[in-house]
Each structure stands twice: as structure tokens, then as C-alpha cells.
Amino acid sequence: MNKSSAKRRAAKASRSLVLNKTVSRQAPAKPDATAAAKIAAETVAQRLIARSAVLRTHKFRVGQTVLYTSSPITRPGASGTYKVVKLLPSDGEDYQYRIKNADEAFERVAKESQLELEH
């Protein structure tokens, strides 16, 4: 074997090693696009929930005296002064409260739109 063929073989062998190394250095597989979209949607939903919780809170506090106005259909005689006993979660459109009148032996549930501050 002559010197030039030995050099060619050595160069060819080193090229194949370089090619093998570049092939083995492939980037890791990308995550599933639907999984990434799902994570992004969950993150957006969590931010919206957190923002709405900060922006919207109960208008009245426990122990506060309020004026309750019942609708004429339910019990028109129930309107009057009540104390807020407990804060309840929203029913979808209004926060709800458990309220108690000193003259009654029971508590009522009232929507925020039915209550006003006592002056």
C-alpha cells in the first residue's frame, strides 16, 4: 500500500467518525403540540381565575348590618334590617350571604343585589 492510499483511507475514516458523531447529536424530540397547547390553555385559565378573584370580592363583611329587600313574589314582608352571618360563594351572577334578623329564629340566604348598606 502506498502513502497516498493510506492517507485517503485515514481521511475517509475520520470523516465517517465525524458523520457518526453529528448524527448521534440530534436534538431531543419535541413535545407533543397538543400537550403544549393544553398546558398553555390551563395557564391562561389559571391567570383569568386569579385575576377575577382579585377584581371581584364580596361587597359586605360578616357582622355588618344591611338592609334586605325581598322580591314582591317571594315574601314582601321579609324586608328589613339584617346582620351578615356568613359569606357564601357566587351563584353565577351574584355573591350570596347568610343573613339573620334579630326578630326571626332562622337565617336567610340573600343575593348581593338584594342587600344595601344601612345608613
Protein backbone atom coordinates (compact mmCIF):
# COMPACT_ATOMS: atom_id res chain seq x y z
CA MET A 1 0.00 0.00 0.00
CA ASN A 2 1.40 3.39 -0.89
CA LYS A 3 1.43 6.55 1.15
CA SER A 4 -1.34 8.36 -0.76
CA SER A 5 -3.85 5.48 -0.42
CA ALA A 6 -3.09 5.24 3.31
CA LYS A 7 -3.77 8.98 3.68
CA ARG A 8 -7.07 8.65 1.79
CA ARG A 9 -8.18 5.77 3.99
CA ALA A 10 -7.31 7.74 7.15
CA ALA A 11 -9.19 10.80 5.89
CA LYS A 12 -12.21 8.67 4.94
CA ALA A 13 -12.23 7.00 8.37
CA SER A 14 -12.07 10.36 10.19
CA ARG A 15 -14.93 11.70 8.02
CA SER A 16 -17.11 8.72 8.91
CA LEU A 17 -16.39 9.26 12.61
CA VAL A 18 -17.39 12.92 12.33
CA LEU A 19 -20.59 11.99 10.50
CA ASN A 20 -21.46 9.39 13.13
CA LYS A 21 -20.95 11.92 15.91
CA THR A 22 -23.16 14.54 14.25
CA VAL A 23 -25.92 12.01 13.72
CA SER A 24 -25.82 10.99 17.38
CA ARG A 25 -26.08 14.66 18.47
CA GLN A 26 -29.61 15.12 17.15
CA ALA A 27 -31.89 17.41 19.11
CA PRO A 28 -34.22 15.71 21.56
CA ALA A 29 -37.72 15.02 20.31
CA LYS A 30 -40.10 17.97 20.57
CA PRO A 31 -43.02 17.61 23.00
CA ASP A 32 -46.42 16.87 21.57
CA ALA A 33 -48.04 20.05 20.21
CA THR A 34 -51.41 19.23 21.73
CA ALA A 35 -49.83 18.78 25.16
CA ALA A 36 -48.11 22.16 24.85
CA ALA A 37 -51.38 23.80 23.80
CA LYS A 38 -53.19 22.19 26.73
CA ILE A 39 -50.58 23.47 29.20
CA ALA A 40 -50.82 26.97 27.69
CA ALA A 41 -54.63 26.93 27.92
CA GLU A 42 -54.50 25.81 31.56
CA THR A 43 -52.04 28.59 32.37
CA VAL A 44 -54.28 31.21 30.75
CA ALA A 45 -57.33 29.86 32.59
CA GLN A 46 -55.49 29.96 35.92
CA ARG A 47 -54.46 33.58 35.30
CA LEU A 48 -58.04 34.57 34.45
CA ILE A 49 -59.39 32.90 37.57
CA ALA A 50 -56.79 34.60 39.75
CA ARG A 51 -57.46 37.99 38.13
CA SER A 52 -61.24 37.71 38.52
CA ALA A 53 -60.81 36.71 42.17
CA VAL A 54 -58.74 39.82 42.77
CA LEU A 55 -61.10 42.13 40.91
CA ARG A 56 -64.38 40.84 42.34
CA THR A 57 -64.91 40.26 46.05
CA HIS A 58 -67.82 40.30 48.46
CA LYS A 59 -69.26 43.76 48.97
CA PHE A 60 -70.30 43.19 52.61
CA ARG A 61 -68.44 41.75 55.60
CA VAL A 62 -69.50 39.34 58.34
CA GLY A 63 -71.11 41.25 61.21
CA GLN A 64 -72.13 44.19 59.05
CA THR A 65 -75.74 45.45 59.27
CA VAL A 66 -77.52 45.59 55.90
CA LEU A 67 -80.94 46.36 54.51
CA TYR A 68 -82.54 43.34 52.83
CA THR A 69 -85.12 43.88 50.11
CA SER A 70 -87.00 40.74 49.17
CA SER A 71 -88.81 40.48 45.88
CA PRO A 72 -92.59 41.04 45.93
CA ILE A 73 -93.06 37.50 44.63
CA THR A 74 -91.21 35.64 47.41
CA ARG A 75 -92.00 37.36 50.75
CA PRO A 76 -92.66 41.08 50.68
CA GLY A 77 -92.86 41.27 54.48
CA ALA A 78 -89.32 39.94 54.98
CA SER A 79 -87.60 43.20 54.04
CA GLY A 80 -85.76 44.95 56.82
CA THR A 81 -82.50 45.19 58.76
CA TYR A 82 -80.31 42.08 58.94
CA LYS A 83 -76.79 41.17 60.08
CA VAL A 84 -74.44 39.33 57.71
CA VAL A 85 -73.67 35.97 59.35
CA LYS A 86 -71.65 34.23 56.65
CA LEU A 87 -70.19 34.90 53.18
CA LEU A 88 -71.29 32.34 50.59
CA PRO A 89 -69.91 31.65 47.11
CA SER A 90 -71.37 33.13 43.96
CA ASP A 91 -74.43 31.58 42.35
CA GLY A 92 -73.09 32.58 38.94
CA GLU A 93 -74.19 36.19 38.81
CA ASP A 94 -74.21 37.43 42.42
CA TYR A 95 -72.38 36.63 45.62
CA GLN A 96 -74.63 35.23 48.30
CA TYR A 97 -74.81 35.88 52.04
CA ARG A 98 -76.37 34.18 55.01
CA ILE A 99 -78.22 36.91 56.92
CA LYS A 100 -80.15 36.97 60.22
CA ASN A 101 -82.81 39.29 61.58
CA ALA A 102 -82.93 39.64 65.38
CA ASP A 103 -86.72 39.11 65.34
CA GLU A 104 -86.53 35.82 63.42
CA ALA A 105 -85.42 32.41 64.71
CA PHE A 106 -83.83 31.41 61.40
CA GLU A 107 -81.29 32.67 58.87
CA ARG A 108 -81.91 33.57 55.25
CA VAL A 109 -79.78 33.37 52.12
CA ALA A 110 -79.75 36.61 50.12
CA LYS A 111 -78.07 37.67 46.91
CA GLU A 112 -75.78 40.68 46.95
CA SER A 113 -78.19 42.55 44.66
CA GLN A 114 -80.89 42.29 47.38
CA LEU A 115 -78.71 43.98 50.03
CA GLU A 116 -77.75 47.58 50.70
CA LEU A 117 -75.65 49.23 53.39
CA GLU A 118 -77.64 50.54 56.32
CA HIS A 119 -77.18 54.30 56.59
